[in-house]
C-alpha atoms as a PDB file:
ATOM      1  CA  UNK A   1      82.505 107.949 177.783  1.00  0.00           C
ATOM      2  CA  UNK A   2      84.398 110.825 175.912  1.00  0.00           C
ATOM      3  CA  UNK A   3      87.289 108.826 176.271  1.00  0.00           C
ATOM      4  CA  UNK A   4      85.604 105.354 174.867  1.00  0.00           C
ATOM      5  CA  UNK A   5      84.551 107.305 171.928  1.00  0.00           C
ATOM      6  CA  UNK A   6      88.180 108.455 171.127  1.00  0.00           C
ATOM      7  CA  UNK A   7      89.363 104.882 171.313  1.00  0.00           C
ATOM      8  CA  UNK A   8      86.699 103.779 169.165  1.00  0.00           C
ATOM      9  CA  UNK A   9      87.132 106.115 166.488  1.00  0.00           C
ATOM     10  CA  UNK A  10      91.124 105.710 166.733  1.00  0.00           C
ATOM     11  CA  UNK A  11      90.451 101.843 166.199  1.00  0.00           C
ATOM     12  CA  UNK A  12      87.644 102.456 163.076  1.00  0.00           C
ATOM     13  CA  UNK A  13      90.920 104.816 161.870  1.00  0.00           C
ATOM     14  CA  UNK A  14      93.223 102.259 161.931  1.00  0.00           C
ATOM     15  CA  UNK A  15      90.883  99.910 160.231  1.00  0.00           C
ATOM     16  CA  UNK A  16      90.093 102.338 157.371  1.00  0.00           C
ATOM     17  CA  UNK A  17      93.833 102.906 157.306  1.00  0.00           C
ATOM     18  CA  UNK A  18      94.541  99.080 156.924  1.00  0.00           C
ATOM     19  CA  UNK A  19      91.792  98.585 154.333  1.00  0.00           C
ATOM     20  CA  UNK A  20      93.342 101.265 152.230  1.00  0.00           C
ATOM     21  CA  UNK A  21      96.716  99.922 152.369  1.00  0.00           C
ATOM     22  CA  UNK A  22      95.529  96.647 151.590  1.00  0.00           C
ATOM     23  CA  UNK A  23      93.552  98.104 148.468  1.00  0.00           C
ATOM     24  CA  UNK A  24      97.202  99.958 147.309  1.00  0.00           C
ATOM     25  CA  UNK A  25      98.681  96.817 147.576  1.00  0.00           C
ATOM     26  CA  UNK A  26      96.743  94.886 145.649  1.00  0.00           C
ATOM     27  CA  UNK A  27      96.294  98.027 142.680  1.00  0.00           C
ATOM     28  CA  UNK A  28      99.791  98.794 142.515  1.00  0.00           C
ATOM     29  CA  UNK A  29     102.362  95.908 143.537  1.00  0.00           C
ATOM     30  CA  UNK A  30     100.330  92.906 142.251  1.00  0.00           C
ATOM     31  CA  UNK A  31     100.695  92.261 138.505  1.00  0.00           C
ATOM     32  CA  UNK A  32      97.269  92.169 136.936  1.00  0.00           C
ATOM     33  CA  UNK A  33      95.019  89.516 137.430  1.00  0.00           C
ATOM     34  CA  UNK A  34      96.890  87.922 140.369  1.00  0.00           C
ATOM     35  CA  UNK A  35      94.135  88.664 142.902  1.00  0.00           C
ATOM     36  CA  UNK A  36      95.340  87.174 146.396  1.00  0.00           C
ATOM     37  CA  UNK A  37      91.614  86.629 147.289  1.00  0.00           C
ATOM     38  CA  UNK A  38      90.731  83.202 145.330  1.00  0.00           C
ATOM     39  CA  UNK A  39      87.179  82.347 144.906  1.00  0.00           C
ATOM     40  CA  UNK A  40      85.988  78.872 144.452  1.00  0.00           C
ATOM     41  CA  UNK A  41      85.629  79.061 141.072  1.00  0.00           C
ATOM     42  CA  UNK A  42      88.800  81.063 140.096  1.00  0.00           C
ATOM     43  CA  UNK A  43      90.528  78.289 142.304  1.00  0.00           C
ATOM     44  CA  UNK A  44      89.404  75.816 140.244  1.00  0.00           C
ATOM     45  CA  UNK A  45      90.269  77.392 136.884  1.00  0.00           C
ATOM     46  CA  UNK A  46      93.685  77.966 138.215  1.00  0.00           C
ATOM     47  CA  UNK A  47      94.090  74.102 139.212  1.00  0.00           C
ATOM     48  CA  UNK A  48      93.059  73.664 135.841  1.00  0.00           C
ATOM     49  CA  UNK A  49      95.306  75.887 134.470  1.00  0.00           C
ATOM     50  CA  UNK A  50      97.999  74.342 136.164  1.00  0.00           C
ATOM     51  CA  UNK A  51      97.033  70.830 135.481  1.00  0.00           C
ATOM     52  CA  UNK A  52      97.519  71.843 131.760  1.00  0.00           C
ATOM     53  CA  UNK A  53     100.534  73.859 132.252  1.00  0.00           C
ATOM     54  CA  UNK A  54     102.207  70.393 134.240  1.00  0.00           C
ATOM     55  CA  UNK A  55     101.037  68.300 130.939  1.00  0.00           C
ATOM     56  CA  UNK A  56     102.212  70.861 128.515  1.00  0.00           C
ATOM     57  CA  UNK A  57     105.538  70.646 130.434  1.00  0.00           C
ATOM     58  CA  UNK A  58     105.548  66.710 130.953  1.00  0.00           C
ATOM     59  CA  UNK A  59     105.407  66.472 126.925  1.00  0.00           C
ATOM     60  CA  UNK A  60     108.068  69.171 126.094  1.00  0.00           C
ATOM     61  CA  UNK A  61     110.383  67.192 128.190  1.00  0.00           C
ATOM     62  CA  UNK A  62     109.288  63.752 126.834  1.00  0.00           C
ATOM     63  CA  UNK A  63     110.012  65.688 123.215  1.00  0.00           C
ATOM     64  CA  UNK A  64     113.336  66.683 124.509  1.00  0.00           C
ATOM     65  CA  UNK A  65     114.469  63.181 125.628  1.00  0.00           C
ATOM     66  CA  UNK A  66     113.156  61.881 122.182  1.00  0.00           C
ATOM     67  CA  UNK A  67     115.154  64.540 120.266  1.00  0.00           C
ATOM     68  CA  UNK A  68     118.407  63.403 122.261  1.00  0.00           C
ATOM     69  CA  UNK A  69     117.979  59.958 122.278  1.00  0.00           C
ATOM     70  CA  UNK A  70     117.131  60.412 118.056  1.00  0.00           C
ATOM     71  CA  UNK A  71     120.347  62.525 118.066  1.00  0.00           C
ATOM     72  CA  UNK A  72     122.408  59.518 120.052  1.00  0.00           C
ATOM     73  CA  UNK A  73     121.330  57.203 117.563  1.00  0.00           C
ATOM     74  CA  UNK A  74     122.243  59.287 114.637  1.00  0.00           C
ATOM     75  CA  UNK A  75     125.662  59.826 116.455  1.00  0.00           C
ATOM     76  CA  UNK A  76     126.007  56.163 116.533  1.00  0.00           C
ATOM     77  CA  UNK A  77     125.454  55.344 112.783  1.00  0.00           C
ATOM     78  CA  UNK A  78     128.000  57.706 112.153  1.00  0.00           C
ATOM     79  CA  UNK A  79     130.277  55.816 114.563  1.00  0.00           C
ATOM     80  CA  UNK A  80     129.665  52.772 112.812  1.00  0.00           C
ATOM     81  CA  UNK A  81     131.310  54.392 110.144  1.00  0.00           C
ATOM     82  CA  UNK A  82     134.372  55.572 111.774  1.00  0.00           C
ATOM     83  CA  UNK A  83     137.471  54.177 109.725  1.00  0.00           C
ATOM     84  CA  UNK A  84     140.474  53.166 111.984  1.00  0.00           C
ATOM     85  CA  UNK A  85     142.497  51.042 109.723  1.00  0.00           C
ATOM     86  CA  UNK A  86     143.279  47.294 110.752  1.00  0.00           C
ATOM     87  CA  UNK A  87     147.241  47.190 111.562  1.00  0.00           C
ATOM     88  CA  UNK A  88     149.216  44.239 110.693  1.00  0.00           C
ATOM     89  CA  UNK A  89     151.147  42.592 113.449  1.00  0.00           C
ATOM     90  CA  UNK A  90     154.343  43.279 111.520  1.00  0.00           C
ATOM     91  CA  UNK A  91     153.583  46.748 111.094  1.00  0.00           C
ATOM     92  CA  UNK A  92     152.730  47.168 114.973  1.00  0.00           C
ATOM     93  CA  UNK A  93     156.007  45.623 116.066  1.00  0.00           C
ATOM     94  CA  UNK A  94     157.957  48.086 113.448  1.00  0.00           C
ATOM     95  CA  UNK A  95     155.910  51.319 114.398  1.00  0.00           C
ATOM     96  CA  UNK A  96     157.442  54.024 116.802  1.00  0.00           C
ATOM     97  CA  UNK A  97     155.681  55.616 119.146  1.00  0.00           C
ATOM     98  CA  UNK A  98     155.149  58.897 120.812  1.00  0.00           C
ATOM     99  CA  UNK A  99     154.016  59.491 124.506  1.00  0.00           C
ATOM    100  CA  UNK A 100     151.964  62.924 125.270  1.00  0.00           C
ATOM    101  CA  UNK A 101     151.504  62.678 129.042  1.00  0.00           C
ATOM    102  CA  UNK A 102     148.963  64.668 130.893  1.00  0.00           C
ATOM    103  CA  UNK A 103     147.814  66.814 128.505  1.00  0.00           C
ATOM    104  CA  UNK A 104     145.227  69.130 130.380  1.00  0.00           C
ATOM    105  CA  UNK A 105     142.970  71.077 129.253  1.00  0.00           C
ATOM    106  CA  UNK A 106     139.591  73.078 130.378  1.00  0.00           C
ATOM    107  CA  UNK A 107     136.256  71.683 128.468  1.00  0.00           C
ATOM    108  CA  UNK A 108     134.214  73.819 126.537  1.00  0.00           C
ATOM    109  CA  UNK A 109     131.766  75.500 128.588  1.00  0.00           C
ATOM    110  CA  UNK A 110     133.098  74.508 132.037  1.00  0.00           C
ATOM    111  CA  UNK A 111     133.733  77.916 132.777  1.00  0.00           C
ATOM    112  CA  UNK A 112     137.281  76.683 134.077  1.00  0.00           C
ATOM    113  CA  UNK A 113     135.715  74.600 136.755  1.00  0.00           C
ATOM    114  CA  UNK A 114     136.271  71.666 135.027  1.00  0.00           C
ATOM    115  CA  UNK A 115     139.315  69.746 133.317  1.00  0.00           C
ATOM    116  CA  UNK A 116     140.340  66.921 131.285  1.00  0.00           C
ATOM    117  CA  UNK A 117     144.017  65.102 131.848  1.00  0.00           C
ATOM    118  CA  UNK A 118     144.799  62.777 129.072  1.00  0.00           C
ATOM    119  CA  UNK A 119     148.031  60.648 127.998  1.00  0.00           C
ATOM    120  CA  UNK A 120     148.106  59.793 124.682  1.00  0.00           C
ATOM    121  CA  UNK A 121     150.308  56.972 123.079  1.00  0.00           C
ATOM    122  CA  UNK A 122     150.454  57.536 119.396  1.00  0.00           C
ATOM    123  CA  UNK A 123     152.035  54.527 116.861  1.00  0.00           C
ATOM    124  CA  UNK A 124     153.470  55.876 113.891  1.00  0.00           C
ATOM    125  CA  UNK A 125     154.849  54.223 110.765  1.00  0.00           C
ATOM    126  CA  UNK A 126     158.052  55.949 111.037  1.00  0.00           C
ATOM    127  CA  UNK A 127     159.671  57.840 113.953  1.00  0.00           C
ATOM    128  CA  UNK A 128     159.927  61.367 114.085  1.00  0.00           C
ATOM    129  CA  UNK A 129     163.663  62.844 114.797  1.00  0.00           C
ATOM    130  CA  UNK A 130     165.764  65.576 114.933  1.00  0.00           C
ATOM    131  CA  UNK A 131     164.754  69.014 113.025  1.00  0.00           C
ATOM    132  CA  UNK A 132     161.122  67.090 111.852  1.00  0.00           C
ATOM    133  CA  UNK A 133     160.322  66.053 115.611  1.00  0.00           C
ATOM    134  CA  UNK A 134     161.328  69.913 116.556  1.00  0.00           C
ATOM    135  CA  UNK A 135     158.888  70.987 114.103  1.00  0.00           C
ATOM    136  CA  UNK A 136     156.118  68.540 114.573  1.00  0.00           C
ATOM    137  CA  UNK A 137     155.389  68.140 118.139  1.00  0.00           C
ATOM    138  CA  UNK A 138     154.640  71.688 119.170  1.00  0.00           C
ATOM    139  CA  UNK A 139     151.927  71.563 116.197  1.00  0.00           C
ATOM    140  CA  UNK A 140     150.522  68.291 117.529  1.00  0.00           C
ATOM    141  CA  UNK A 141     150.249  69.261 121.096  1.00  0.00           C
ATOM    142  CA  UNK A 142     148.451  72.733 119.870  1.00  0.00           C
ATOM    143  CA  UNK A 143     146.082  70.768 117.731  1.00  0.00           C
ATOM    144  CA  UNK A 144     145.652  68.380 120.405  1.00  0.00           C
ATOM    145  CA  UNK A 145     145.155  71.103 123.240  1.00  0.00           C
ATOM    146  CA  UNK A 146     142.570  73.039 120.502  1.00  0.00           C
ATOM    147  CA  UNK A 147     140.369  70.221 119.586  1.00  0.00           C
ATOM    148  CA  UNK A 148     139.911  68.539 123.422  1.00  0.00           C
ATOM    149  CA  UNK A 149     139.151  71.945 124.845  1.00  0.00           C
ATOM    150  CA  UNK A 150     136.594  72.040 122.085  1.00  0.00           C
ATOM    151  CA  UNK A 151     134.782  69.426 123.547  1.00  0.00           C
ATOM    152  CA  UNK A 152     131.988  69.925 126.466  1.00  0.00           C
ATOM    153  CA  UNK A 153     132.748  67.814 129.841  1.00  0.00           C
ATOM    154  CA  UNK A 154     128.970  66.302 129.694  1.00  0.00           C
ATOM    155  CA  UNK A 155     130.217  65.033 125.828  1.00  0.00           C
ATOM    156  CA  UNK A 156     133.869  63.922 127.082  1.00  0.00           C
ATOM    157  CA  UNK A 157     132.358  61.835 130.061  1.00  0.00           C
ATOM    158  CA  UNK A 158     130.403  59.468 127.445  1.00  0.00           C
ATOM    159  CA  UNK A 159     132.703  56.314 127.105  1.00  0.00           C
ATOM    160  CA  UNK A 160     131.259  55.661 123.599  1.00  0.00           C
ATOM    161  CA  UNK A 161     132.561  59.241 122.625  1.00  0.00           C
ATOM    162  CA  UNK A 162     136.091  58.627 123.175  1.00  0.00           C
ATOM    163  CA  UNK A 163     136.359  56.574 119.700  1.00  0.00           C
ATOM    164  CA  UNK A 164     134.515  59.490 118.070  1.00  0.00           C
ATOM    165  CA  UNK A 165     137.325  61.522 119.634  1.00  0.00           C
ATOM    166  CA  UNK A 166     140.177  59.250 118.896  1.00  0.00           C
ATOM    167  CA  UNK A 167     139.026  59.407 115.411  1.00  0.00           C
ATOM    168  CA  UNK A 168     139.023  63.109 115.411  1.00  0.00           C
ATOM    169  CA  UNK A 169     142.543  63.178 117.084  1.00  0.00           C
ATOM    170  CA  UNK A 170     143.815  60.690 114.148  1.00  0.00           C
ATOM    171  CA  UNK A 171     142.523  63.138 111.568  1.00  0.00           C
ATOM    172  CA  UNK A 172     144.304  65.930 113.273  1.00  0.00           C
ATOM    173  CA  UNK A 173     147.661  64.218 113.420  1.00  0.00           C
ATOM    174  CA  UNK A 174     147.367  62.696 109.446  1.00  0.00           C
ATOM    175  CA  UNK A 175     147.179  66.272 108.704  1.00  0.00           C
ATOM    176  CA  UNK A 176     150.150  67.284 110.374  1.00  0.00           C
ATOM    177  CA  UNK A 177     152.311  64.041 109.746  1.00  0.00           C
ATOM    178  CA  UNK A 178     150.556  63.136 106.426  1.00  0.00           C
ATOM    179  CA  UNK A 179     148.203  60.137 105.830  1.00  0.00           C
ATOM    180  CA  UNK A 180     150.490  56.601 105.849  1.00  0.00           C
ATOM    181  CA  UNK A 181     152.238  58.108 109.079  1.00  0.00           C
ATOM    182  CA  UNK A 182     149.905  57.552 111.683  1.00  0.00           C
ATOM    183  CA  UNK A 183     148.927  54.021 112.544  1.00  0.00           C
ATOM    184  CA  UNK A 184     146.875  53.896 115.747  1.00  0.00           C
ATOM    185  CA  UNK A 185     146.317  56.074 118.868  1.00  0.00           C
ATOM    186  CA  UNK A 186     145.504  55.105 122.504  1.00  0.00           C
ATOM    187  CA  UNK A 187     144.581  56.711 125.416  1.00  0.00           C
ATOM    188  CA  UNK A 188     146.359  55.522 128.213  1.00  0.00           C
ATOM    189  CA  UNK A 189     144.970  57.944 130.780  1.00  0.00           C
ATOM    190  CA  UNK A 190     141.724  59.898 130.225  1.00  0.00           C
ATOM    191  CA  UNK A 191     140.460  61.858 133.390  1.00  0.00           C
ATOM    192  CA  UNK A 192     137.477  64.082 133.322  1.00  0.00           C
ATOM    193  CA  UNK A 193     137.183  66.140 136.749  1.00  0.00           C
END
């Protein structure tokens, strides 16, 4: 009988210890208001709260999509205003060209994990020769690298952004070579990885 009493006291002691540990965990380790024991009313309230949160998240996502759509529409409006001058067939036949092959940059925000390879053909009114070419080609390559590296890869992969990029490249080239010198810029290769 004594053995049974000792065993019963040990079991009661272990149960009391477990209840005490559970209380300590609930009181000190769980954030306030987060009880692991849910009553029916609290579970109903929390599911209603969850539904409200999900609806709010959906509304936020829809607002973000709408903002993005408006932003793209606004960009399209400005693309229509891009001025790439019409060049006559005679001017193109007389034009000289520069080929910048395999310009490689890491797009902005890629952390060096993505890259862009571009080959450009630039048509000029007059050829770049001698000392002028030696002075201006490094500046052209540098400006082109800085401009391309300033674009994010998500922006670069959108096909309709290439006209915007072409326009920006032409403006950059015109600053270096003069407004009348640059006739056209073509992408012969455009790879984003």
